[in-house]
Protein backbone atom coordinates (compact mmCIF):
# COMPACT_ATOMS: atom_id res chain seq x y z
CA MET A 1 124.33 83.12 112.75
CA GLU A 2 121.43 85.36 112.50
CA CYS A 3 117.77 83.98 111.48
CA VAL A 4 117.17 84.98 107.76
CA SER A 5 113.60 86.12 108.97
CA CYS A 6 114.14 87.73 112.40
CA PRO A 7 116.90 89.04 114.57
CA ASN A 8 117.43 85.81 116.62
CA LEU A 9 120.71 84.07 116.72
CA THR A 10 120.55 80.49 115.56
CA ASN A 11 122.24 77.48 114.00
CA LYS A 12 119.40 75.25 114.45
CA TYR A 13 117.86 74.77 111.07
CA LYS A 14 118.75 75.61 107.62
CA CYS A 15 116.74 76.18 104.47
CA SER A 16 116.85 73.05 102.33
CA LYS A 17 116.79 75.36 99.13
CA CYS A 18 119.44 78.04 100.00
CA ILE A 19 121.05 76.89 103.18
CA ALA A 20 120.08 79.98 105.07
CA PRO A 21 119.79 79.57 108.68
CA TYR A 22 116.24 80.14 110.54
CA CYS A 23 114.99 79.80 114.09
CA SER A 24 111.47 78.46 113.81
CA VAL A 25 108.80 77.13 111.52
CA ASN A 26 107.18 80.44 111.18
CA CYS A 27 110.36 81.87 110.12
CA TYR A 28 110.70 79.31 107.63
CA LYS A 29 107.51 79.69 106.21
CA LYS A 30 107.90 83.41 105.86
CA HIS A 31 111.28 82.82 104.04
CA LYS A 32 110.60 79.74 102.00
CA ASP A 33 108.50 81.42 99.22
CA SER A 34 110.33 84.86 99.35
CA ALA A 35 112.31 86.27 96.59
CA GLN A 36 115.20 86.40 99.00
CA CYS A 37 115.26 82.62 99.16
CA GLU A 38 115.20 82.22 95.37
CA GLU A 39 118.22 84.69 95.30
CA LEU A 40 120.23 82.93 97.76
CA ALA A 41 119.45 79.49 96.16
CA ALA A 42 120.58 81.02 92.88
CA ALA A 43 123.69 82.36 94.44
CA GLN A 44 124.43 78.84 95.77
CA ARG A 45 123.95 77.09 92.54
CA GLU A 46 126.30 79.85 90.75
CA LYS A 47 128.76 79.31 93.66
CA GLY A 48 128.65 75.52 93.23
CA SER A 49 128.94 75.76 89.40
CA ARG A 50 132.12 78.02 89.71
CA LYS A 51 133.67 75.46 91.94
CA ALA A 52 132.85 72.48 89.57
CA ASP A 53 134.63 74.59 86.77
CA ASN A 54 137.54 75.01 88.99
CA SER A 55 138.00 71.50 90.23
CA GLN A 56 138.88 68.39 88.28
CA SER A 57 135.42 66.40 89.10
CA SER A 58 132.40 66.94 91.14
CA VAL A 59 133.48 63.92 93.31
CA GLU A 60 136.21 65.87 94.64
CA GLN A 61 134.07 68.62 95.83
CA GLU A 62 132.04 66.33 98.07
CA PRO A 63 133.92 65.05 101.10
CA THR A 64 131.35 62.96 102.27
CA LEU A 65 131.80 60.57 99.22
CA TYR A 66 135.02 59.33 100.75
CA ALA A 67 135.52 58.93 104.34
CA PRO A 68 138.83 60.08 105.71
CA PHE A 69 139.13 56.47 107.50
CA SER A 70 137.26 53.35 107.00
CA THR A 71 135.35 51.44 109.55
CA GLU A 72 133.80 47.93 109.69
CA ASP A 73 130.54 49.62 108.49
CA THR A 74 132.19 51.48 105.54
CA ILE A 75 130.34 50.24 102.59
CA PRO A 76 132.73 50.02 99.33
CA LEU A 77 132.12 52.47 96.68
CA ALA A 78 131.15 49.69 93.99
CA LEU A 79 128.38 48.29 96.23
CA LEU A 80 126.99 52.11 96.70
CA GLN A 81 127.09 52.66 92.92
CA LYS A 82 124.80 49.52 92.68
CA LEU A 83 121.98 51.57 94.48
CA ASN A 84 121.93 53.95 91.43
CA ASP A 85 120.90 50.99 89.10
CA CYS A 86 118.20 49.67 91.74
CA GLU A 87 114.61 50.32 90.13
CA PRO A 88 112.63 49.56 93.40
CA LEU A 89 114.86 52.26 95.12
CA ARG A 90 114.33 54.74 92.19
CA GLN A 91 110.51 54.32 92.54
CA LEU A 92 110.55 54.78 96.36
CA LEU A 93 112.64 58.12 95.69
CA LEU A 94 109.77 59.33 93.47
CA ASN A 95 107.79 59.94 96.77
CA PRO A 96 107.85 63.47 97.77
CA HIS A 97 107.26 62.52 101.58
CA LEU A 98 110.47 60.10 101.37
CA ARG A 99 112.45 62.94 99.80
CA ALA A 100 111.27 65.46 102.39
CA LEU A 101 112.41 62.92 105.08
CA LEU A 102 115.70 62.54 103.65
CA GLN A 103 116.39 66.30 103.28
CA GLN A 104 115.29 66.69 106.98
CA ILE A 105 118.09 64.14 107.82
CA ASP A 106 120.60 65.79 105.55
CA VAL A 107 120.29 69.18 107.05
CA ALA A 108 119.45 68.06 110.71
CA HIS A 109 121.68 69.34 113.53
CA ASN A 110 121.35 66.09 115.30
CA ALA A 111 121.29 63.44 112.49
CA ASN A 112 121.12 60.38 114.79
CA LEU A 113 117.88 61.79 116.50
CA THR A 114 116.49 62.64 113.16
CA MET A 115 117.21 59.18 111.93
CA THR A 116 115.61 57.49 114.91
CA ALA A 117 112.51 59.69 114.17
CA ALA A 118 112.48 58.71 110.60
CA MET A 119 112.61 55.01 111.47
CA GLN A 120 109.06 55.46 112.90
CA GLU A 121 107.91 55.90 109.31
CA PRO A 122 106.95 52.93 107.25
CA LEU A 123 108.15 54.66 104.16
CA PHE A 124 111.66 55.20 105.55
CA ILE A 125 112.02 51.55 106.85
CA GLU A 126 110.70 50.39 103.09
CA PHE A 127 113.53 52.82 101.78
CA ALA A 128 116.22 51.47 104.22
CA ASN A 129 115.19 47.84 103.55
CA ALA A 130 115.61 48.54 99.79
CA CYS A 131 119.15 50.13 100.37
CA LEU A 132 120.07 47.04 102.53
CA GLN A 133 118.80 44.45 99.87
CA VAL A 134 121.34 45.93 97.48
CA VAL A 135 124.35 46.53 99.66
CA GLU A 136 123.97 43.59 101.96
CA PRO A 137 121.67 41.04 100.62
CA LEU A 138 120.04 38.36 102.68
CA SER A 139 121.52 34.68 102.56
CA ASP A 140 119.33 32.12 101.75
CA ALA A 141 119.33 30.91 105.40
CA GLU A 142 118.50 34.48 106.66
CA ARG A 143 115.62 34.85 103.95
CA ALA A 144 114.30 31.17 105.08
CA GLU A 145 114.45 32.40 108.92
CA LEU A 146 112.49 35.76 107.92
CA GLN A 147 109.87 33.79 106.01
CA LEU A 148 109.34 31.24 109.14
CA SER A 149 109.13 34.23 111.60
CA SER A 150 106.50 36.21 109.56
């Protein structure tokens, strides 16, 4: 695909607003505040709303909500829905830096590498721990062991 700001061919990065491809930070900086980005983002939103109108529910549109097969690491939907009610998690998600990290992971070409880099950020570790406390809470024995080691 051709970069949105220059003639280079790329599929390295995508704009978080409009999903347009770009090849470098300079191209992204030129693009992100442009009218073209706003137009493409509006077109994406319109396209998304038309899909929502045509389908029975928004859940059916998102293929990542339901894995095609489950593994030992698959988290049941009921536990995932508990994340929605977790107030400490909601407070963490108000942080723009954390939101930017999550967006980078979401659009990353190599999500594993991006996750490894994010795990170096104390804020991201706090977020991951908050998620784990909801989805996989510590047992009393594990909590006692953790307190002894710290």
